[in-house]
């Protein structure tokens, strides 16, 4: 299993059982992977924003996870530069 897929699976389980807790580092890793794969930036921002309603964050997480899964199955152009500023999930 790919490392990001494993991180998503573990985080999804924790969110289901405990809700969003102290998962900011895992969310940041997933957010960076999502940005690398050109997943919708609004979804990524909602997912990592602690001020958003929990239900909105859960839905955004699900959509980001699905987008990462489907995007990672497509061939990527590795010569295309990817800019991603480091943003904390806090």
C-alpha atoms as a PDB file:
ATOM      1  CA  UNK A   1       0.000   0.000   0.000  1.00  0.00           C
ATOM      2  CA  UNK A   2       1.289   3.467  -0.856  1.00  0.00           C
ATOM      3  CA  UNK A   3       2.297   5.619   2.136  1.00  0.00           C
ATOM      4  CA  UNK A   4      -0.319   8.325   1.427  1.00  0.00           C
ATOM      5  CA  UNK A   5      -3.056   5.738   0.968  1.00  0.00           C
ATOM      6  CA  UNK A   6      -2.090   4.190   4.307  1.00  0.00           C
ATOM      7  CA  UNK A   7      -2.107   7.621   6.001  1.00  0.00           C
ATOM      8  CA  UNK A   8      -5.567   8.347   4.574  1.00  0.00           C
ATOM      9  CA  UNK A   9      -6.884   4.992   5.727  1.00  0.00           C
ATOM     10  CA  UNK A  10      -5.563   5.426   9.277  1.00  0.00           C
ATOM     11  CA  UNK A  11      -6.826   8.992   9.516  1.00  0.00           C
ATOM     12  CA  UNK A  12     -10.257   8.028   8.163  1.00  0.00           C
ATOM     13  CA  UNK A  13     -10.532   5.392  10.878  1.00  0.00           C
ATOM     14  CA  UNK A  14      -9.517   7.874  13.598  1.00  0.00           C
ATOM     15  CA  UNK A  15     -11.971  10.488  12.311  1.00  0.00           C
ATOM     16  CA  UNK A  16     -14.767   7.914  12.283  1.00  0.00           C
ATOM     17  CA  UNK A  17     -14.028   6.746  15.820  1.00  0.00           C
ATOM     18  CA  UNK A  18     -12.857   9.932  17.542  1.00  0.00           C
ATOM     19  CA  UNK A  19     -13.629  12.849  15.219  1.00  0.00           C
ATOM     20  CA  UNK A  20     -11.024  15.434  14.315  1.00  0.00           C
ATOM     21  CA  UNK A  21      -8.561  15.449  17.163  1.00  0.00           C
ATOM     22  CA  UNK A  22      -4.860  16.168  17.118  1.00  0.00           C
ATOM     23  CA  UNK A  23      -4.422  15.024  13.515  1.00  0.00           C
ATOM     24  CA  UNK A  24      -3.009  18.262  12.137  1.00  0.00           C
ATOM     25  CA  UNK A  25       0.247  16.677  10.930  1.00  0.00           C
ATOM     26  CA  UNK A  26      -1.549  13.865   9.088  1.00  0.00           C
ATOM     27  CA  UNK A  27      -3.979  16.364   7.586  1.00  0.00           C
ATOM     28  CA  UNK A  28      -1.056  18.511   6.442  1.00  0.00           C
ATOM     29  CA  UNK A  29       0.593  15.511   4.759  1.00  0.00           C
ATOM     30  CA  UNK A  30      -2.658  14.694   2.973  1.00  0.00           C
ATOM     31  CA  UNK A  31      -3.152  18.358   2.022  1.00  0.00           C
ATOM     32  CA  UNK A  32       0.299  18.508   0.416  1.00  0.00           C
ATOM     33  CA  UNK A  33      -0.326  15.282  -1.484  1.00  0.00           C
ATOM     34  CA  UNK A  34      -3.686  16.650  -2.645  1.00  0.00           C
ATOM     35  CA  UNK A  35      -2.099  19.875  -3.864  1.00  0.00           C
ATOM     36  CA  UNK A  36       0.564  17.906  -5.733  1.00  0.00           C
ATOM     37  CA  UNK A  37      -2.231  16.044  -7.503  1.00  0.00           C
ATOM     38  CA  UNK A  38      -4.145  19.277  -8.225  1.00  0.00           C
ATOM     39  CA  UNK A  39      -7.126  18.427  -6.029  1.00  0.00           C
ATOM     40  CA  UNK A  40      -9.613  21.276  -5.561  1.00  0.00           C
ATOM     41  CA  UNK A  41      -7.944  23.835  -3.275  1.00  0.00           C
ATOM     42  CA  UNK A  42     -11.211  24.809  -1.574  1.00  0.00           C
ATOM     43  CA  UNK A  43     -11.761  21.222  -0.434  1.00  0.00           C
ATOM     44  CA  UNK A  44      -8.231  21.061   0.914  1.00  0.00           C
ATOM     45  CA  UNK A  45      -8.658  24.338   2.819  1.00  0.00           C
ATOM     46  CA  UNK A  46     -11.975  23.241   4.352  1.00  0.00           C
ATOM     47  CA  UNK A  47     -10.440  19.913   5.364  1.00  0.00           C
ATOM     48  CA  UNK A  48      -7.581  21.523   7.317  1.00  0.00           C
ATOM     49  CA  UNK A  49      -9.463  24.530   8.745  1.00  0.00           C
ATOM     50  CA  UNK A  50     -10.285  23.896  12.398  1.00  0.00           C
ATOM     51  CA  UNK A  51     -12.872  26.700  12.340  1.00  0.00           C
ATOM     52  CA  UNK A  52     -15.049  24.959   9.756  1.00  0.00           C
ATOM     53  CA  UNK A  53     -17.985  22.826  10.958  1.00  0.00           C
ATOM     54  CA  UNK A  54     -17.035  19.212  11.616  1.00  0.00           C
ATOM     55  CA  UNK A  55     -19.483  17.876   9.037  1.00  0.00           C
ATOM     56  CA  UNK A  56     -17.974  20.128   6.353  1.00  0.00           C
ATOM     57  CA  UNK A  57     -14.454  18.973   7.261  1.00  0.00           C
ATOM     58  CA  UNK A  58     -15.535  15.318   7.166  1.00  0.00           C
ATOM     59  CA  UNK A  59     -17.116  15.731   3.734  1.00  0.00           C
ATOM     60  CA  UNK A  60     -14.084  17.631   2.445  1.00  0.00           C
ATOM     61  CA  UNK A  61     -11.785  14.890   3.790  1.00  0.00           C
ATOM     62  CA  UNK A  62     -13.841  12.221   2.024  1.00  0.00           C
ATOM     63  CA  UNK A  63     -13.789  14.113  -1.277  1.00  0.00           C
ATOM     64  CA  UNK A  64     -10.057  14.849  -1.000  1.00  0.00           C
ATOM     65  CA  UNK A  65      -9.314  11.204  -0.198  1.00  0.00           C
ATOM     66  CA  UNK A  66     -11.382  10.049  -3.174  1.00  0.00           C
ATOM     67  CA  UNK A  67      -9.698  12.589  -5.446  1.00  0.00           C
ATOM     68  CA  UNK A  68      -6.232  11.499  -4.314  1.00  0.00           C
ATOM     69  CA  UNK A  69      -7.152   7.891  -4.944  1.00  0.00           C
ATOM     70  CA  UNK A  70      -8.462   8.521  -8.448  1.00  0.00           C
ATOM     71  CA  UNK A  71      -5.673  10.982  -9.324  1.00  0.00           C
ATOM     72  CA  UNK A  72      -2.941   8.619  -8.192  1.00  0.00           C
ATOM     73  CA  UNK A  73      -4.295   5.976 -10.575  1.00  0.00           C
ATOM     74  CA  UNK A  74      -3.810   8.294 -13.580  1.00  0.00           C
ATOM     75  CA  UNK A  75      -0.386   8.752 -15.169  1.00  0.00           C
ATOM     76  CA  UNK A  76       1.238  12.043 -14.140  1.00  0.00           C
ATOM     77  CA  UNK A  77       3.456  14.401 -16.038  1.00  0.00           C
ATOM     78  CA  UNK A  78       6.510  14.412 -13.768  1.00  0.00           C
ATOM     79  CA  UNK A  79       8.194  17.242 -15.670  1.00  0.00           C
ATOM     80  CA  UNK A  80       5.485  19.686 -14.604  1.00  0.00           C
ATOM     81  CA  UNK A  81       6.726  21.827 -11.679  1.00  0.00           C
ATOM     82  CA  UNK A  82       4.565  21.882  -8.577  1.00  0.00           C
ATOM     83  CA  UNK A  83       4.583  24.877  -6.259  1.00  0.00           C
ATOM     84  CA  UNK A  84       3.208  24.362  -2.807  1.00  0.00           C
ATOM     85  CA  UNK A  85       3.690  26.724   0.103  1.00  0.00           C
ATOM     86  CA  UNK A  86       4.005  25.154   3.510  1.00  0.00           C
ATOM     87  CA  UNK A  87       0.782  25.845   5.392  1.00  0.00           C
ATOM     88  CA  UNK A  88       0.081  24.579   8.860  1.00  0.00           C
ATOM     89  CA  UNK A  89      -3.223  22.942   9.695  1.00  0.00           C
ATOM     90  CA  UNK A  90      -3.487  24.931  12.916  1.00  0.00           C
END
